[in-house]
């Protein structure tokens, strides 16, 4: 597995730091949980506030988040990711027996700006996830209901068949 690039450029000669950059070695780390929604980007940075909608009870698995191709820590609820200004690419998916719920969001981040993002895991693994800058609805509820109804119908028909066969 590759390691993500350092969050800041290397220190300049003679100890000089570029304007707005934290000292070399001081990392800007992502934050998850309720405190993430109140955070501000560090000087010279922007941020993505990505909310993973749902919870482990209704979804079963915490989605995997990649920013610019690198995996980042994620949890249900708000996740604060400090980013350098510029274009970024966010990819989110869930994994059970295979990857599902894939969704991608290109975004432009400016210094001092926090860009909101929302991801919703689908109800089943046969469709894509939903991602955008506003709250998202979960895809696949119709197919989930159809699967449950079909399963109950098959069980009822098997039970009815065994009752009729024994009569």
N, C-alpha and C. Protein backbone atom coordinates (compact mmCIF):
# COMPACT_ATOMS: atom_id res chain seq x y z
N UNK A 1 0.85 -1.17 0.00
CA UNK A 1 0.00 0.00 0.00
C UNK A 1 0.89 1.23 0.00
N UNK A 2 0.54 2.23 -0.77
CA UNK A 2 1.34 3.46 -0.82
C UNK A 2 0.92 4.38 0.31
N UNK A 3 1.84 5.23 0.71
CA UNK A 3 1.52 6.19 1.76
C UNK A 3 1.14 7.51 1.12
N UNK A 4 0.24 8.27 1.76
CA UNK A 4 -0.17 9.55 1.19
C UNK A 4 1.00 10.53 1.17
N UNK A 5 0.93 11.50 0.27
CA UNK A 5 1.99 12.51 0.23
C UNK A 5 1.94 13.35 1.50
N UNK A 6 3.06 14.00 1.85
CA UNK A 6 3.04 14.84 3.05
C UNK A 6 2.03 15.97 2.87
N UNK A 7 1.39 16.40 3.97
CA UNK A 7 0.37 17.43 3.85
C UNK A 7 0.93 18.80 3.52
N UNK A 8 2.24 19.00 3.64
CA UNK A 8 2.83 20.30 3.38
C UNK A 8 4.12 20.13 2.60
N UNK A 9 4.52 21.15 1.83
CA UNK A 9 5.78 21.06 1.10
C UNK A 9 6.95 21.05 2.08
N UNK A 10 8.11 20.56 1.62
CA UNK A 10 9.29 20.53 2.50
C UNK A 10 9.70 21.94 2.92
N UNK A 11 10.42 22.00 4.04
CA UNK A 11 10.88 23.28 4.56
C UNK A 11 11.86 23.92 3.58
N UNK A 12 11.77 25.23 3.44
CA UNK A 12 12.63 25.98 2.54
C UNK A 12 14.02 26.12 3.16
N UNK A 13 15.05 26.41 2.33
CA UNK A 13 16.41 26.60 2.86
C UNK A 13 16.44 27.70 3.93
N UNK A 14 17.35 27.57 4.86
CA UNK A 14 17.59 28.53 5.94
C UNK A 14 16.38 28.68 6.86
N UNK A 15 15.52 27.67 6.94
CA UNK A 15 14.41 27.69 7.89
C UNK A 15 13.23 28.54 7.47
N UNK A 16 13.25 29.14 6.28
CA UNK A 16 12.15 29.99 5.84
C UNK A 16 10.94 29.13 5.45
N UNK A 17 9.77 29.51 5.91
CA UNK A 17 8.54 28.81 5.55
C UNK A 17 7.74 29.66 4.57
N UNK A 18 7.10 29.01 3.57
CA UNK A 18 6.22 29.77 2.70
C UNK A 18 5.10 30.42 3.51
N UNK A 19 4.66 31.59 3.07
CA UNK A 19 3.60 32.32 3.77
C UNK A 19 2.36 31.45 3.94
N UNK A 20 1.81 31.41 5.16
CA UNK A 20 0.57 30.69 5.41
C UNK A 20 0.73 29.19 5.62
N UNK A 21 1.96 28.69 5.67
CA UNK A 21 2.17 27.25 5.87
C UNK A 21 2.60 26.99 7.31
N UNK A 22 2.07 25.92 7.94
CA UNK A 22 2.55 25.58 9.27
C UNK A 22 4.00 25.11 9.21
N UNK A 23 4.71 25.09 10.34
CA UNK A 23 6.10 24.64 10.35
C UNK A 23 6.22 23.22 9.83
N UNK A 24 7.37 22.93 9.23
CA UNK A 24 7.63 21.60 8.68
C UNK A 24 7.44 20.54 9.76
N UNK A 25 6.77 19.45 9.40
CA UNK A 25 6.56 18.36 10.33
C UNK A 25 5.24 18.48 11.08
N UNK A 26 4.65 19.67 11.12
CA UNK A 26 3.35 19.82 11.78
C UNK A 26 2.28 19.42 10.78
N UNK A 27 1.59 18.33 11.07
CA UNK A 27 0.61 17.81 10.12
C UNK A 27 -0.76 18.41 10.35
N UNK A 28 -1.52 18.49 9.28
CA UNK A 28 -2.90 18.93 9.33
C UNK A 28 -3.74 17.66 9.18
N UNK A 29 -4.37 17.22 10.26
CA UNK A 29 -5.04 15.93 10.28
C UNK A 29 -6.55 16.07 10.10
N UNK A 30 -7.18 15.05 9.50
CA UNK A 30 -8.64 15.04 9.42
C UNK A 30 -9.25 14.81 10.80
N UNK A 31 -10.49 15.27 10.98
CA UNK A 31 -11.21 15.11 12.24
C UNK A 31 -12.60 14.57 11.94
N UNK A 32 -13.04 13.56 12.71
CA UNK A 32 -14.39 13.00 12.56
C UNK A 32 -15.16 13.24 13.84
N UNK A 33 -16.48 13.28 13.72
CA UNK A 33 -17.34 13.42 14.89
C UNK A 33 -17.99 14.79 14.95
N UNK A 34 -18.78 15.03 15.99
CA UNK A 34 -19.54 16.28 16.09
C UNK A 34 -18.67 17.53 16.03
N UNK A 35 -17.45 17.48 16.60
CA UNK A 35 -16.58 18.65 16.60
C UNK A 35 -16.14 19.02 15.19
N UNK A 36 -16.20 18.09 14.24
CA UNK A 36 -15.74 18.36 12.87
C UNK A 36 -16.56 19.47 12.21
N UNK A 37 -17.86 19.55 12.54
CA UNK A 37 -18.71 20.54 11.87
C UNK A 37 -18.45 21.96 12.34
N UNK A 38 -17.68 22.15 13.41
CA UNK A 38 -17.39 23.50 13.90
C UNK A 38 -15.96 23.95 13.58
N UNK A 39 -15.19 23.11 12.91
CA UNK A 39 -13.77 23.42 12.66
C UNK A 39 -13.60 24.38 11.48
N UNK A 40 -12.50 25.10 11.52
CA UNK A 40 -12.12 26.01 10.44
C UNK A 40 -10.83 25.50 9.82
N UNK A 41 -10.64 25.73 8.51
CA UNK A 41 -9.38 25.29 7.89
C UNK A 41 -8.19 26.06 8.46
N UNK A 42 -7.02 25.41 8.51
CA UNK A 42 -5.83 26.11 8.97
C UNK A 42 -5.44 27.21 7.98
N UNK A 43 -4.62 28.17 8.40
CA UNK A 43 -4.21 29.25 7.50
C UNK A 43 -3.59 28.70 6.21
N UNK A 44 -4.00 29.27 5.09
CA UNK A 44 -3.46 28.87 3.80
C UNK A 44 -4.09 27.62 3.23
N UNK A 45 -5.07 27.07 3.91
CA UNK A 45 -5.75 25.85 3.46
C UNK A 45 -7.24 26.09 3.30
N UNK A 46 -7.88 25.18 2.62
CA UNK A 46 -9.33 25.08 2.59
C UNK A 46 -9.68 23.77 3.25
N UNK A 47 -10.94 23.36 3.14
CA UNK A 47 -11.33 22.10 3.77
C UNK A 47 -12.55 21.52 3.09
N UNK A 48 -12.71 20.22 3.25
CA UNK A 48 -13.92 19.51 2.85
C UNK A 48 -14.58 19.03 4.13
N UNK A 49 -15.85 19.36 4.31
CA UNK A 49 -16.63 18.82 5.42
C UNK A 49 -17.58 17.79 4.81
N UNK A 50 -17.15 16.53 4.81
CA UNK A 50 -17.90 15.43 4.19
C UNK A 50 -18.72 14.71 5.26
N UNK A 51 -20.03 14.74 5.10
CA UNK A 51 -20.92 14.05 6.03
C UNK A 51 -21.31 12.71 5.43
N UNK A 52 -20.96 11.62 6.12
CA UNK A 52 -21.38 10.29 5.71
C UNK A 52 -22.71 10.03 6.39
N UNK A 53 -23.78 10.06 5.60
CA UNK A 53 -25.13 9.92 6.13
C UNK A 53 -25.42 8.47 6.49
N UNK A 54 -26.22 8.28 7.51
CA UNK A 54 -26.58 6.94 7.94
C UNK A 54 -25.81 6.57 9.19
N UNK A 55 -25.80 5.28 9.49
CA UNK A 55 -25.05 4.77 10.64
C UNK A 55 -24.74 3.30 10.40
N UNK A 56 -23.89 2.74 11.22
CA UNK A 56 -23.46 1.36 11.04
C UNK A 56 -24.61 0.37 11.20
N UNK A 57 -25.64 0.73 11.97
CA UNK A 57 -26.79 -0.17 12.15
C UNK A 57 -27.59 -0.32 10.86
N UNK A 58 -27.87 0.80 10.18
CA UNK A 58 -28.68 0.73 8.96
C UNK A 58 -27.86 0.41 7.73
N UNK A 59 -26.57 0.64 7.78
CA UNK A 59 -25.73 0.43 6.61
C UNK A 59 -24.88 -0.82 6.73
N UNK A 60 -24.47 -1.15 7.91
CA UNK A 60 -23.66 -2.35 8.12
C UNK A 60 -22.17 -2.11 8.03
N UNK A 61 -21.74 -1.24 7.15
CA UNK A 61 -20.31 -1.02 6.94
C UNK A 61 -20.02 0.46 6.78
N UNK A 62 -18.93 0.92 7.37
CA UNK A 62 -18.53 2.31 7.18
C UNK A 62 -17.91 2.47 5.80
N UNK A 63 -18.37 3.45 5.02
CA UNK A 63 -17.80 3.65 3.69
C UNK A 63 -16.32 4.01 3.74
N UNK A 64 -15.63 3.74 2.64
CA UNK A 64 -14.23 4.08 2.47
C UNK A 64 -14.15 5.37 1.66
N UNK A 65 -13.33 6.31 2.11
CA UNK A 65 -13.19 7.60 1.44
C UNK A 65 -11.76 7.73 0.92
N UNK A 66 -11.65 8.17 -0.34
CA UNK A 66 -10.35 8.48 -0.94
C UNK A 66 -10.40 9.93 -1.41
N UNK A 67 -9.36 10.69 -1.10
CA UNK A 67 -9.24 12.05 -1.61
C UNK A 67 -7.98 12.08 -2.46
N UNK A 68 -8.14 12.45 -3.71
CA UNK A 68 -7.04 12.49 -4.68
C UNK A 68 -6.33 11.14 -4.75
N UNK A 69 -7.09 10.06 -4.63
CA UNK A 69 -6.55 8.71 -4.77
C UNK A 69 -5.98 8.09 -3.51
N UNK A 70 -5.94 8.83 -2.41
CA UNK A 70 -5.38 8.32 -1.16
C UNK A 70 -6.48 8.07 -0.14
N UNK A 71 -6.44 6.92 0.55
CA UNK A 71 -7.45 6.65 1.57
C UNK A 71 -7.28 7.59 2.76
N UNK A 72 -8.40 8.05 3.31
CA UNK A 72 -8.39 8.91 4.49
C UNK A 72 -9.34 8.32 5.53
N UNK A 73 -9.11 8.58 6.81
CA UNK A 73 -10.00 8.05 7.84
C UNK A 73 -11.41 8.62 7.68
N UNK A 74 -12.42 7.80 7.97
CA UNK A 74 -13.80 8.25 7.83
C UNK A 74 -14.68 7.56 8.86
N UNK A 75 -15.74 8.25 9.27
CA UNK A 75 -16.72 7.71 10.19
C UNK A 75 -18.08 8.30 9.81
N UNK A 76 -19.16 7.65 10.23
CA UNK A 76 -20.47 8.22 9.97
C UNK A 76 -20.58 9.56 10.69
N UNK A 77 -21.28 10.49 10.06
CA UNK A 77 -21.40 11.84 10.58
C UNK A 77 -20.42 12.75 9.86
N UNK A 78 -20.16 13.95 10.41
CA UNK A 78 -19.27 14.89 9.74
C UNK A 78 -17.80 14.48 9.85
N UNK A 79 -17.08 14.68 8.74
CA UNK A 79 -15.64 14.41 8.67
C UNK A 79 -14.98 15.65 8.06
N UNK A 80 -14.02 16.23 8.78
CA UNK A 80 -13.36 17.46 8.36
C UNK A 80 -11.99 17.12 7.79
N UNK A 81 -11.77 17.48 6.51
CA UNK A 81 -10.51 17.19 5.83
C UNK A 81 -9.86 18.49 5.38
N UNK A 82 -8.79 18.96 6.05
CA UNK A 82 -8.06 20.13 5.56
C UNK A 82 -7.39 19.79 4.23
N UNK A 83 -7.49 20.69 3.26
CA UNK A 83 -6.93 20.45 1.93
C UNK A 83 -6.20 21.69 1.46
N UNK A 84 -5.19 21.47 0.63
CA UNK A 84 -4.55 22.60 -0.03
C UNK A 84 -5.53 23.20 -1.02
N UNK A 85 -5.45 24.49 -1.27
CA UNK A 85 -6.32 25.09 -2.28
C UNK A 85 -6.08 24.45 -3.65
N UNK A 86 -7.14 24.32 -4.42
CA UNK A 86 -7.04 23.75 -5.76
C UNK A 86 -8.12 22.71 -6.02
N UNK A 87 -7.95 21.98 -7.14
CA UNK A 87 -8.92 20.96 -7.53
C UNK A 87 -8.60 19.66 -6.81
N UNK A 88 -9.66 19.00 -6.35
CA UNK A 88 -9.52 17.72 -5.66
C UNK A 88 -10.60 16.77 -6.17
N UNK A 89 -10.36 15.48 -5.96
CA UNK A 89 -11.32 14.45 -6.37
C UNK A 89 -11.61 13.56 -5.17
N UNK A 90 -12.89 13.45 -4.82
CA UNK A 90 -13.32 12.62 -3.70
C UNK A 90 -14.02 11.38 -4.26
N UNK A 91 -13.61 10.21 -3.80
CA UNK A 91 -14.25 8.94 -4.19
C UNK A 91 -14.67 8.23 -2.90
N UNK A 92 -15.92 7.78 -2.87
CA UNK A 92 -16.43 7.06 -1.70
C UNK A 92 -17.08 5.77 -2.19
N UNK A 93 -16.89 4.68 -1.44
CA UNK A 93 -17.57 3.42 -1.74
C UNK A 93 -17.68 2.60 -0.46
N UNK A 94 -18.54 1.61 -0.50
CA UNK A 94 -18.65 0.65 0.60
C UNK A 94 -18.15 -0.69 0.08
N UNK A 95 -17.79 -1.57 0.98
CA UNK A 95 -17.26 -2.87 0.57
C UNK A 95 -17.89 -3.94 1.44
N UNK A 96 -18.49 -4.93 0.81
CA UNK A 96 -18.93 -6.13 1.52
C UNK A 96 -18.29 -7.28 0.78
N UNK A 97 -19.02 -7.99 -0.06
CA UNK A 97 -18.40 -9.04 -0.87
C UNK A 97 -17.72 -8.43 -2.09
N UNK A 98 -18.14 -7.25 -2.44
CA UNK A 98 -17.55 -6.49 -3.54
C UNK A 98 -17.75 -5.02 -3.24
N UNK A 99 -17.08 -4.17 -4.01
CA UNK A 99 -17.30 -2.73 -3.83
C UNK A 99 -18.66 -2.36 -4.38
N UNK A 100 -19.36 -1.50 -3.68
CA UNK A 100 -20.65 -0.99 -4.15
C UNK A 100 -20.84 0.42 -3.61
N UNK A 101 -21.87 1.07 -4.10
CA UNK A 101 -22.15 2.42 -3.64
C UNK A 101 -21.12 3.44 -4.07
N UNK A 102 -20.44 3.17 -5.19
CA UNK A 102 -19.40 4.08 -5.65
C UNK A 102 -20.00 5.44 -6.01
N UNK A 103 -19.30 6.49 -5.62
CA UNK A 103 -19.71 7.85 -5.97
C UNK A 103 -18.47 8.73 -5.99
N UNK A 104 -18.44 9.67 -6.92
CA UNK A 104 -17.29 10.56 -7.09
C UNK A 104 -17.75 12.01 -7.08
N UNK A 105 -16.93 12.87 -6.51
CA UNK A 105 -17.23 14.30 -6.44
C UNK A 105 -15.97 15.10 -6.71
N UNK A 106 -15.87 15.74 -7.89
CA UNK A 106 -14.76 16.68 -8.10
C UNK A 106 -15.11 17.99 -7.40
N UNK A 107 -14.11 18.65 -6.82
CA UNK A 107 -14.40 19.91 -6.15
C UNK A 107 -13.22 20.85 -6.23
N UNK A 108 -13.53 22.11 -6.11
CA UNK A 108 -12.54 23.18 -6.11
C UNK A 108 -12.54 23.79 -4.71
N UNK A 109 -11.36 23.83 -4.09
CA UNK A 109 -11.24 24.35 -2.73
C UNK A 109 -10.38 25.61 -2.76
N UNK A 110 -10.83 26.66 -2.09
CA UNK A 110 -10.08 27.91 -1.99
C UNK A 110 -9.60 28.08 -0.55
N UNK A 111 -8.53 28.82 -0.36
CA UNK A 111 -7.99 29.06 0.98
C UNK A 111 -9.07 29.70 1.86
N UNK A 112 -9.22 29.19 3.07
CA UNK A 112 -10.20 29.72 4.01
C UNK A 112 -11.62 29.21 3.80
N UNK A 113 -11.85 28.44 2.76
CA UNK A 113 -13.20 27.96 2.42
C UNK A 113 -13.39 26.52 2.90
N UNK A 114 -14.58 26.24 3.45
CA UNK A 114 -14.95 24.87 3.79
C UNK A 114 -16.07 24.46 2.84
N UNK A 115 -15.80 23.45 2.02
CA UNK A 115 -16.76 22.96 1.03
C UNK A 115 -17.57 21.83 1.66
N UNK A 116 -18.91 21.94 1.66
CA UNK A 116 -19.72 20.85 2.21
C UNK A 116 -19.86 19.71 1.21
N UNK A 117 -19.92 18.50 1.72
CA UNK A 117 -20.17 17.32 0.90
C UNK A 117 -21.00 16.33 1.69
N UNK A 118 -21.88 15.60 1.01
CA UNK A 118 -22.75 14.61 1.66
C UNK A 118 -22.74 13.34 0.83
N UNK A 119 -22.59 12.20 1.51
CA UNK A 119 -22.61 10.90 0.84
C UNK A 119 -23.63 10.01 1.53
N UNK A 120 -24.45 9.32 0.72
CA UNK A 120 -25.43 8.37 1.24
C UNK A 120 -25.19 7.00 0.62
N UNK A 121 -25.02 5.99 1.48
CA UNK A 121 -24.83 4.60 1.05
C UNK A 121 -26.17 4.10 0.52
N UNK A 122 -26.18 3.32 -0.57
CA UNK A 122 -27.45 2.77 -1.06
C UNK A 122 -28.00 1.70 -0.11
N UNK A 123 -29.28 1.38 -0.27
CA UNK A 123 -29.93 0.37 0.58
C UNK A 123 -29.47 -1.04 0.25
N UNK A 124 -28.93 -1.26 -0.92
CA UNK A 124 -28.43 -2.59 -1.30
C UNK A 124 -27.18 -2.41 -2.16
N UNK A 125 -26.50 -3.50 -2.46
CA UNK A 125 -25.20 -3.40 -3.13
C UNK A 125 -25.28 -3.44 -4.66
N UNK A 126 -26.44 -3.27 -5.23
CA UNK A 126 -26.56 -3.36 -6.68
C UNK A 126 -26.78 -2.00 -7.33
N UNK A 127 -26.43 -0.92 -6.65
CA UNK A 127 -26.56 0.41 -7.22
C UNK A 127 -25.43 1.30 -6.69
N UNK A 128 -25.35 2.50 -7.23
CA UNK A 128 -24.30 3.44 -6.82
C UNK A 128 -24.75 4.25 -5.61
N UNK A 129 -23.81 4.89 -4.95
CA UNK A 129 -24.13 5.77 -3.85
C UNK A 129 -24.51 7.15 -4.37
N UNK A 130 -24.90 8.02 -3.45
CA UNK A 130 -25.28 9.39 -3.81
C UNK A 130 -24.32 10.35 -3.12
N UNK A 131 -23.79 11.30 -3.88
CA UNK A 131 -22.86 12.28 -3.31
C UNK A 131 -23.15 13.64 -3.94
N UNK A 132 -23.01 14.69 -3.14
CA UNK A 132 -23.23 16.04 -3.64
C UNK A 132 -22.95 17.05 -2.54
N UNK A 133 -23.29 18.31 -2.82
CA UNK A 133 -23.02 19.39 -1.87
C UNK A 133 -24.20 19.65 -0.94
N UNK A 134 -25.31 18.92 -1.13
CA UNK A 134 -26.48 19.01 -0.25
C UNK A 134 -26.83 17.62 0.23
N UNK A 135 -27.67 17.51 1.26
CA UNK A 135 -28.06 16.20 1.79
C UNK A 135 -28.58 15.32 0.65
N UNK A 136 -28.24 14.03 0.72
CA UNK A 136 -28.57 13.08 -0.34
C UNK A 136 -29.57 12.04 0.17
N UNK A 137 -30.41 11.54 -0.73
CA UNK A 137 -31.29 10.43 -0.37
C UNK A 137 -30.60 9.13 -0.76
N UNK A 138 -30.92 8.06 -0.03
CA UNK A 138 -30.31 6.76 -0.28
C UNK A 138 -31.04 6.07 -1.43
N UNK A 139 -30.28 5.59 -2.40
CA UNK A 139 -30.86 4.90 -3.55
C UNK A 139 -31.22 3.46 -3.19
N UNK A 140 -32.18 2.89 -3.96
CA UNK A 140 -32.45 1.46 -3.89
C UNK A 140 -33.51 1.00 -2.93
N UNK A 141 -34.31 1.89 -2.36
CA UNK A 141 -35.33 1.45 -1.41
C UNK A 141 -36.40 0.60 -2.10
N UNK A 142 -36.75 0.92 -3.35
CA UNK A 142 -37.75 0.13 -4.08
C UNK A 142 -37.29 -1.30 -4.29
N UNK A 143 -36.05 -1.48 -4.70
CA UNK A 143 -35.52 -2.83 -4.91
C UNK A 143 -35.42 -3.59 -3.59
N UNK A 144 -35.07 -2.90 -2.51
CA UNK A 144 -35.00 -3.55 -1.20
C UNK A 144 -36.37 -4.05 -0.78
N UNK A 145 -37.40 -3.23 -0.95
CA UNK A 145 -38.77 -3.65 -0.60
C UNK A 145 -39.19 -4.83 -1.46
N UNK A 146 -38.87 -4.79 -2.76
CA UNK A 146 -39.22 -5.91 -3.66
C UNK A 146 -38.54 -7.20 -3.22
N UNK A 147 -37.29 -7.14 -2.81
CA UNK A 147 -36.58 -8.34 -2.35
C UNK A 147 -37.23 -8.89 -1.08
N UNK A 148 -37.59 -8.02 -0.16
CA UNK A 148 -38.23 -8.47 1.09
C UNK A 148 -39.59 -9.08 0.80
N UNK A 149 -40.40 -8.43 -0.04
CA UNK A 149 -41.73 -8.95 -0.39
C UNK A 149 -41.60 -10.30 -1.09
N UNK A 150 -40.67 -10.43 -2.02
CA UNK A 150 -40.48 -11.71 -2.73
C UNK A 150 -40.06 -12.81 -1.76
N UNK A 151 -39.18 -12.50 -0.82
CA UNK A 151 -38.74 -13.49 0.16
C UNK A 151 -39.90 -13.95 1.04
N UNK A 152 -40.70 -13.01 1.53
CA UNK A 152 -41.86 -13.35 2.36
C UNK A 152 -42.86 -14.17 1.55
N UNK A 153 -43.09 -13.80 0.28
CA UNK A 153 -44.03 -14.54 -0.57
C UNK A 153 -43.56 -15.98 -0.78
N UNK A 154 -42.28 -16.17 -1.02
CA UNK A 154 -41.75 -17.53 -1.22
C UNK A 154 -41.92 -18.36 0.05
N UNK A 155 -41.64 -17.77 1.20
CA UNK A 155 -41.80 -18.49 2.47
C UNK A 155 -43.27 -18.86 2.69
N UNK A 156 -44.18 -17.92 2.42
CA UNK A 156 -45.62 -18.19 2.57
C UNK A 156 -46.08 -19.28 1.61
N UNK A 157 -45.62 -19.23 0.36
CA UNK A 157 -46.02 -20.24 -0.62
C UNK A 157 -45.47 -21.62 -0.24
N UNK A 158 -44.26 -21.68 0.28
CA UNK A 158 -43.70 -22.96 0.73
C UNK A 158 -44.51 -23.51 1.91
N UNK A 159 -44.86 -22.63 2.84
CA UNK A 159 -45.67 -23.05 3.98
C UNK A 159 -47.04 -23.51 3.55
N UNK A 160 -47.67 -22.78 2.63
CA UNK A 160 -48.98 -23.16 2.11
C UNK A 160 -48.90 -24.48 1.36
N UNK A 161 -47.84 -24.66 0.59
CA UNK A 161 -47.66 -25.91 -0.16
C UNK A 161 -47.51 -27.10 0.77
N UNK A 162 -46.78 -26.94 1.85
CA UNK A 162 -46.60 -28.06 2.78
C UNK A 162 -47.90 -28.37 3.53
N UNK A 163 -48.71 -27.35 3.83
CA UNK A 163 -50.01 -27.57 4.48
C UNK A 163 -50.94 -28.31 3.54
N UNK A 164 -50.99 -27.89 2.27
CA UNK A 164 -51.87 -28.54 1.29
C UNK A 164 -51.41 -29.97 1.00
N UNK A 165 -50.12 -30.21 0.99
CA UNK A 165 -49.61 -31.55 0.71
C UNK A 165 -49.91 -32.51 1.85
N UNK A 166 -49.95 -32.02 3.07
CA UNK A 166 -50.22 -32.90 4.21
C UNK A 166 -51.71 -33.12 4.44
N UNK A 167 -52.57 -32.37 3.77
CA UNK A 167 -54.02 -32.51 3.97
C UNK A 167 -54.64 -33.59 3.14
